[in-house]
Amino acid sequence: MRAFVIDRYKAPLTLREMPDPRPGPGEVVVAIAATSVNPIDFKLRDGEFKAVLPMAMPLILGGDLAGTVVALGMGADRFRIGDEVFARPDPIGTFAERIAVAEADLARKPASLTMAEAASLPLVSLTAWQVLVERAAIKPGDKILIHAGSGGVGTIAIQLAKHLGAIVATTAGPDNLTLVKDLGADIVIDYRHEDFAEQLSGYDVVLNTLGSDVLEKSLKVLRPGGKLISISGPPDPAFARAIGANWIVRQVMRLLSARIRRKARRLGIDYSFLFMRADGAQLADIAGLVDAGVIRPVIDRTYAFGDTPAALARVESGRARGKVVVQVAMP
């Protein structure tokens, strides 16, 4: 099969022939119709997480897929050959024509979406679900600030938060204000001309997808007892325990997050870092919301498989609105 790989950290993507995957016990092989790009892809390429999540080389990047089941491993009985599915597989490797995926990571593709549309959703929708439903337990009337509302996670988180009954504020650039309003945001802050910390207060939850300056500033808008949840770091001791990190890595994470945890604690705010995990059952729930018209994908551009490096560069530029999709197979 063809796949885009890197042979070392910070190396460019290279298209080459790789061995076809074979399903292990409880796995299926999926012929990938489409994938999409996320910031984690270029961060993994550059080795930003190598101390915490070391990757074997050569490495196939990519963490989203939509496609068709083409082979079943021993004990795999939830799907049949020919089923259309979507997933955020663990481990990654979707910049390729095929991949072996644990059944537990898969869900049936939303019937109302094309393969390209479905491929845009897994990582960002699981992230939004795990922040809003699991970690924040959003309920009707809660006030939430979602940073970077026009980004991949932001576009889905706004829609899910509104479905859960929250009052949603978001930050966006001037070119994206209409987009986030159309997605359901109640309050929109033009971050180039307005200061969110001066306009918002008494919030229950902040979802941070940006840097440390925005992270610390977000403490000002939260009420005592509020939750600051970051998907961009710094990782905290709870995350270190969850991944079974060794003592040295645990101490490094403790130090990296010490400043924000200390500031949050003084204000009576709960800070936590969330690193999305694969979950087919949650994806099945999300697929139901998609087919019910609650959540719709937002796609910035679609690239041909051979242009995957350009798709990665588009996301790395920070100018994408919603998701950048790669069409692996012709529709």
Protein backbone atom coordinates (compact mmCIF):
# COMPACT_ATOMS: atom_id res chain seq x y z
CA MET A 1 0.00 0.00 0.00
CA ARG A 2 1.02 3.63 -0.39
CA ALA A 3 1.60 5.70 2.72
CA PHE A 4 3.18 8.99 3.76
CA VAL A 5 5.89 8.36 6.35
CA ILE A 6 8.67 10.10 8.22
CA ASP A 7 11.95 8.35 9.02
CA ARG A 8 12.99 10.70 11.81
CA TYR A 9 11.59 13.63 13.75
CA LYS A 10 11.34 16.89 11.76
CA ALA A 11 11.72 15.01 8.47
CA PRO A 12 9.39 15.78 5.53
CA LEU A 13 6.57 13.42 4.62
CA THR A 14 7.67 10.85 2.05
CA LEU A 15 5.30 8.79 -0.10
CA ARG A 16 6.39 5.17 -0.38
CA GLU A 17 5.19 1.59 -0.55
CA MET A 18 4.59 0.01 2.87
CA PRO A 19 3.47 -3.51 3.80
CA ASP A 20 -0.29 -4.07 3.77
CA PRO A 21 -1.61 -4.33 7.34
CA ARG A 22 -2.97 -7.60 8.69
CA PRO A 23 -5.63 -7.61 11.40
CA GLY A 24 -4.68 -8.91 14.82
CA PRO A 25 -7.17 -10.37 17.31
CA GLY A 26 -10.10 -7.99 17.75
CA GLU A 27 -8.97 -5.84 14.82
CA VAL A 28 -10.30 -5.09 11.36
CA VAL A 29 -8.53 -3.71 8.32
CA VAL A 30 -10.07 -0.58 6.82
CA ALA A 31 -9.52 0.65 3.28
CA ILE A 32 -9.22 4.37 3.91
CA ALA A 33 -11.36 6.56 1.67
CA ALA A 34 -10.47 9.84 3.40
CA THR A 35 -8.47 11.19 6.30
CA SER A 36 -7.94 14.64 7.80
CA VAL A 37 -5.14 16.66 9.33
CA ASN A 38 -4.83 17.88 12.91
CA PRO A 39 -2.22 20.04 14.69
CA ILE A 40 -1.07 16.92 16.55
CA ASP A 41 0.27 15.62 13.23
CA PHE A 42 2.94 18.28 12.79
CA LYS A 43 3.64 18.30 16.53
CA LEU A 44 4.33 14.56 16.42
CA ARG A 45 6.42 15.06 13.27
CA ASP A 46 8.53 17.63 15.09
CA GLY A 47 9.00 15.43 18.17
CA GLU A 48 7.19 17.70 20.61
CA PHE A 49 5.89 14.68 22.53
CA LYS A 50 8.81 12.28 22.08
CA ALA A 51 9.70 12.33 25.80
CA VAL A 52 6.14 11.36 26.69
CA LEU A 53 4.89 9.49 23.63
CA PRO A 54 7.92 8.14 21.77
CA MET A 55 7.14 6.89 18.26
CA ALA A 56 8.80 4.07 16.35
CA MET A 57 10.19 4.98 12.95
CA PRO A 58 9.31 4.91 10.12
CA LEU A 59 6.08 6.54 11.29
CA ILE A 60 2.84 6.95 9.37
CA LEU A 61 1.10 10.06 10.66
CA GLY A 62 -2.64 10.78 10.59
CA GLY A 63 -5.31 10.30 13.25
CA ASP A 64 -8.66 10.36 11.43
CA LEU A 65 -10.27 7.99 8.95
CA ALA A 66 -13.42 7.13 7.10
CA GLY A 67 -13.48 4.03 4.96
CA THR A 68 -14.68 0.49 4.38
CA VAL A 69 -13.95 -2.69 6.33
CA VAL A 70 -12.03 -5.12 4.08
CA ALA A 71 -10.71 -7.79 6.50
CA LEU A 72 -11.57 -9.17 9.95
CA GLY A 73 -9.21 -10.44 12.63
CA MET A 74 -9.87 -13.34 14.97
CA GLY A 75 -12.68 -12.50 17.40
CA ALA A 76 -13.70 -9.35 15.52
CA ASP A 77 -17.49 -9.59 15.26
CA ARG A 78 -18.94 -6.09 15.57
CA PHE A 79 -18.48 -5.24 11.90
CA ARG A 80 -18.76 -6.98 8.56
CA ILE A 81 -16.71 -6.69 5.39
CA GLY A 82 -18.17 -3.81 3.39
CA ASP A 83 -19.30 -1.78 6.44
CA GLU A 84 -18.61 1.94 6.17
CA VAL A 85 -16.88 3.18 9.32
CA PHE A 86 -15.03 6.11 10.81
CA ALA A 87 -12.50 6.31 13.63
CA ARG A 88 -9.65 7.96 15.43
CA PRO A 89 -7.43 4.85 15.58
CA ASP A 90 -4.91 4.11 18.31
CA PRO A 91 -2.14 3.84 17.23
CA ILE A 92 -2.30 6.43 14.47
CA GLY A 93 -1.41 5.89 10.82
CA THR A 94 -4.15 7.14 8.51
CA PHE A 95 -1.99 8.92 5.91
CA ALA A 96 -2.15 5.59 4.11
CA GLU A 97 -4.40 3.47 1.93
CA ARG A 98 -5.14 0.88 4.63
CA ILE A 99 -4.86 0.46 8.38
CA ALA A 100 -5.56 -2.21 11.00
CA VAL A 101 -7.85 -0.77 13.69
CA ALA A 102 -9.13 -2.15 16.99
CA GLU A 103 -12.87 -2.76 16.77
CA ALA A 104 -13.33 -0.74 19.96
CA ASP A 105 -12.06 2.37 18.17
CA LEU A 106 -14.51 2.12 15.27
CA ALA A 107 -18.06 3.31 14.72
CA ARG A 108 -20.33 3.17 11.72
CA LYS A 109 -20.03 6.23 9.52
CA PRO A 110 -22.88 8.73 9.83
CA ALA A 111 -25.25 7.84 7.01
CA SER A 112 -25.84 11.50 6.16
CA LEU A 113 -22.18 12.26 5.46
CA THR A 114 -19.78 11.59 2.64
CA MET A 115 -16.53 9.81 3.43
CA ALA A 116 -14.64 13.11 3.30
CA GLU A 117 -17.07 14.77 5.70
CA ALA A 118 -16.97 11.83 8.10
CA ALA A 119 -13.16 11.79 8.07
CA SER A 120 -13.11 15.36 9.35
CA LEU A 121 -14.82 14.45 12.62
CA PRO A 122 -13.26 11.72 14.78
CA LEU A 123 -10.42 13.45 16.62
CA VAL A 124 -12.09 16.83 17.02
CA SER A 125 -15.50 15.47 17.96
CA LEU A 126 -14.04 13.04 20.50
CA THR A 127 -12.01 15.89 21.97
CA ALA A 128 -15.11 18.07 22.27
CA TRP A 129 -17.12 15.20 23.77
CA GLN A 130 -14.48 14.30 26.34
CA VAL A 131 -14.05 17.93 27.39
CA LEU A 132 -17.72 18.92 27.52
CA VAL A 133 -19.51 15.71 28.49
CA GLU A 134 -16.93 13.80 30.52
CA ARG A 135 -14.64 16.39 32.08
CA ALA A 136 -16.85 19.49 32.35
CA ALA A 137 -20.24 17.72 32.65
CA ILE A 138 -21.89 20.67 30.89
CA LYS A 139 -25.55 21.17 31.83
CA PRO A 140 -28.22 23.61 30.65
CA GLY A 141 -27.42 27.19 31.60
CA ASP A 142 -23.69 26.68 32.11
CA LYS A 143 -21.48 29.40 30.65
CA ILE A 144 -18.52 28.21 28.59
CA LEU A 145 -15.78 30.04 26.72
CA ILE A 146 -14.39 28.09 23.75
CA HIS A 147 -11.20 29.57 22.38
CA ALA A 148 -10.48 29.52 18.63
CA GLY A 149 -14.06 28.79 17.66
CA SER A 150 -13.29 28.56 13.95
CA GLY A 151 -10.70 25.81 14.41
CA GLY A 152 -11.27 22.08 14.08
CA VAL A 153 -12.12 21.47 17.74
CA GLY A 154 -13.84 24.82 18.18
CA THR A 155 -16.37 24.37 15.38
CA ILE A 156 -17.56 21.07 16.85
CA ALA A 157 -17.35 22.15 20.50
CA ILE A 158 -19.61 25.16 19.86
CA GLN A 159 -22.29 22.95 18.33
CA LEU A 160 -22.07 20.29 21.04
CA ALA A 161 -22.09 22.86 23.85
CA LYS A 162 -25.24 24.46 22.43
CA HIS A 163 -26.87 21.03 22.16
CA LEU A 164 -26.08 20.49 25.85
CA GLY A 165 -27.82 23.77 26.71
CA ALA A 166 -24.81 25.94 27.46
CA ILE A 167 -24.38 29.67 26.92
CA VAL A 168 -21.40 29.76 24.57
CA ALA A 169 -18.80 32.47 24.10
CA THR A 170 -15.95 32.07 21.65
CA THR A 171 -12.96 33.91 20.27
CA ALA A 172 -12.30 34.23 16.54
CA GLY A 173 -10.63 36.47 14.00
CA PRO A 174 -12.62 39.09 12.06
CA ASP A 175 -12.95 36.85 8.99
CA ASN A 176 -14.57 34.07 11.02
CA LEU A 177 -17.10 35.94 13.16
CA THR A 178 -20.05 35.03 10.93
CA LEU A 179 -19.00 31.37 10.85
CA VAL A 180 -18.96 30.93 14.63
CA LYS A 181 -22.25 32.81 15.01
CA ASP A 182 -23.84 30.50 12.46
CA LEU A 183 -22.57 27.52 14.47
CA GLY A 184 -24.49 28.80 17.48
CA ALA A 185 -22.11 30.95 19.54
CA ASP A 186 -24.03 33.39 21.73
CA ILE A 187 -21.14 35.78 22.35
CA VAL A 188 -18.32 36.29 19.85
CA ILE A 189 -15.08 38.04 20.74
CA ASP A 190 -12.95 39.41 17.90
CA TYR A 191 -9.57 38.60 19.44
CA ARG A 192 -7.73 41.10 17.22
CA HIS A 193 -9.72 44.06 18.50
CA GLU A 194 -11.26 42.90 21.79
CA ASP A 195 -9.98 41.47 25.07
CA PHE A 196 -12.03 38.46 26.16
CA ALA A 197 -10.84 38.82 29.76
CA GLU A 198 -12.33 42.31 29.97
CA GLN A 199 -15.69 41.34 28.48
CA LEU A 200 -16.42 37.98 30.16
CA SER A 201 -16.77 36.98 33.80
CA GLY A 202 -18.42 34.38 35.98
CA TYR A 203 -17.91 31.52 33.51
CA ASP A 204 -18.19 27.89 34.53
CA VAL A 205 -15.82 26.37 31.96
CA VAL A 206 -13.08 27.46 29.58
CA LEU A 207 -11.86 25.17 26.79
CA ASN A 208 -8.36 26.30 25.87
CA THR A 209 -6.75 25.33 22.57
CA LEU A 210 -4.13 28.09 22.49
CA GLY A 211 -0.86 29.09 24.15
CA SER A 212 0.18 29.78 27.73
CA ASP A 213 -0.61 33.51 27.58
CA VAL A 214 -4.27 32.82 26.71
CA LEU A 215 -4.36 29.95 29.21
CA GLU A 216 -3.39 32.12 32.18
CA LYS A 217 -5.57 35.01 31.05
CA SER A 218 -8.55 32.63 30.92
CA LEU A 219 -8.44 32.28 34.71
CA LYS A 220 -9.87 35.81 34.92
CA VAL A 221 -13.18 34.88 33.30
CA LEU A 222 -13.91 31.86 35.51
CA ARG A 223 -15.91 31.85 38.70
CA PRO A 224 -14.54 30.15 41.85
CA GLY A 225 -15.21 26.46 41.34
CA GLY A 226 -14.94 26.81 37.57
CA LYS A 227 -12.94 24.53 35.30
CA LEU A 228 -10.09 25.44 32.98
CA ILE A 229 -9.55 22.55 30.58
CA SER A 230 -6.66 22.74 28.12
CA ILE A 231 -5.96 20.48 25.17
CA SER A 232 -2.76 22.32 24.26
CA GLY A 233 -0.94 21.89 27.55
CA PRO A 234 0.82 22.02 29.79
CA PRO A 235 0.24 18.37 30.76
CA ASP A 236 -0.52 17.80 34.43
CA PRO A 237 0.33 15.02 36.94
CA ALA A 238 -3.04 13.33 36.34
CA PHE A 239 -2.17 12.91 32.66
CA ALA A 240 1.24 11.52 33.57
CA ARG A 241 -0.42 8.90 35.77
CA ALA A 242 -2.99 8.06 33.10
CA ILE A 243 -0.32 7.21 30.53
CA GLY A 244 1.83 5.31 33.03
CA ALA A 245 4.76 7.71 32.68
CA ASN A 246 7.97 6.92 34.56
CA TRP A 247 9.05 8.91 37.62
CA ILE A 248 11.23 11.34 35.67
CA VAL A 249 8.52 12.17 33.14
CA ARG A 250 5.96 12.57 35.95
CA GLN A 251 8.21 15.12 37.64
CA VAL A 252 8.77 16.99 34.39
CA MET A 253 5.00 17.24 33.82
CA ARG A 254 4.50 18.36 37.40
CA LEU A 255 6.99 21.16 36.88
CA LEU A 256 5.60 22.16 33.47
CA SER A 257 2.12 22.64 34.88
CA ALA A 258 3.11 23.93 38.34
CA ARG A 259 2.62 27.63 37.49
CA ILE A 260 -0.89 27.34 36.04
CA ARG A 261 -2.02 24.85 38.69
CA ARG A 262 -0.78 27.14 41.45
CA LYS A 263 -2.53 30.19 39.98
CA ALA A 264 -5.73 28.23 39.45
CA ARG A 265 -5.68 26.83 42.98
CA ARG A 266 -5.37 30.31 44.49
CA LEU A 267 -8.56 31.32 42.66
CA GLY A 268 -10.45 28.15 43.55
CA ILE A 269 -10.38 26.98 39.91
CA ASP A 270 -9.76 23.44 38.71
CA TYR A 271 -7.09 23.18 35.99
CA SER A 272 -6.73 19.99 33.94
CA PHE A 273 -5.08 18.88 30.73
CA LEU A 274 -6.95 16.59 28.34
CA PHE A 275 -5.35 14.38 25.71
CA MET A 276 -8.10 12.83 23.62
CA ARG A 277 -8.40 9.04 23.61
CA ALA A 278 -9.91 6.78 20.94
CA ASP A 279 -13.44 5.58 21.74
CA GLY A 280 -15.75 3.93 19.23
CA ALA A 281 -18.77 3.98 21.54
CA GLN A 282 -18.53 7.77 21.91
CA LEU A 283 -18.13 8.09 18.15
CA ALA A 284 -21.34 6.10 17.69
CA ASP A 285 -23.14 8.62 19.92
CA ILE A 286 -21.62 11.47 17.93
CA ALA A 287 -22.72 9.83 14.66
CA GLY A 288 -26.27 9.83 16.01
CA LEU A 289 -26.05 13.56 16.69
CA VAL A 290 -24.70 14.15 13.18
CA ASP A 291 -27.52 12.22 11.53
CA ALA A 292 -30.02 14.09 13.73
CA GLY A 293 -28.69 17.40 12.40
CA VAL A 294 -27.21 18.53 15.72
CA ILE A 295 -23.58 18.56 14.54
CA ARG A 296 -22.28 19.32 11.07
CA PRO A 297 -18.68 19.14 9.88
CA VAL A 298 -16.89 22.30 8.82
CA ILE A 299 -14.34 21.65 6.07
CA ASP A 300 -11.74 24.20 5.04
CA ARG A 301 -10.23 22.43 2.01
CA THR A 302 -9.95 18.96 0.51
CA TYR A 303 -6.67 17.72 -0.97
CA ALA A 304 -5.78 14.73 -3.12
CA PHE A 305 -3.77 11.99 -1.42
CA GLY A 306 -0.61 12.95 -3.29
CA ASP A 307 -0.92 16.46 -1.84
CA THR A 308 -0.92 15.35 1.79
CA PRO A 309 2.22 17.42 2.59
CA ALA A 310 0.38 20.53 1.33
CA ALA A 311 -2.61 19.64 3.52
CA LEU A 312 -0.31 19.38 6.53
CA ALA A 313 1.24 22.75 5.67
CA ARG A 314 -2.23 24.31 5.43
CA VAL A 315 -3.04 23.26 9.00
CA GLU A 316 0.39 24.30 10.24
CA SER A 317 -0.18 27.79 8.79
CA GLY A 318 -3.00 28.36 11.29
CA ARG A 319 -5.30 29.76 8.60
CA ALA A 320 -7.66 26.79 8.22
CA ARG A 321 -11.35 27.26 9.06
CA GLY A 322 -12.57 23.94 10.38
CA LYS A 323 -10.85 20.81 9.08
CA VAL A 324 -8.47 20.07 6.23
CA VAL A 325 -9.37 16.77 4.56
CA VAL A 326 -7.34 14.40 2.37
CA GLN A 327 -9.20 12.25 -0.17
CA VAL A 328 -7.21 8.99 -0.12
CA ALA A 329 -9.39 7.10 -2.61
CA MET A 330 -11.52 8.51 -5.40
CA PRO A 331 -15.13 8.96 -4.24
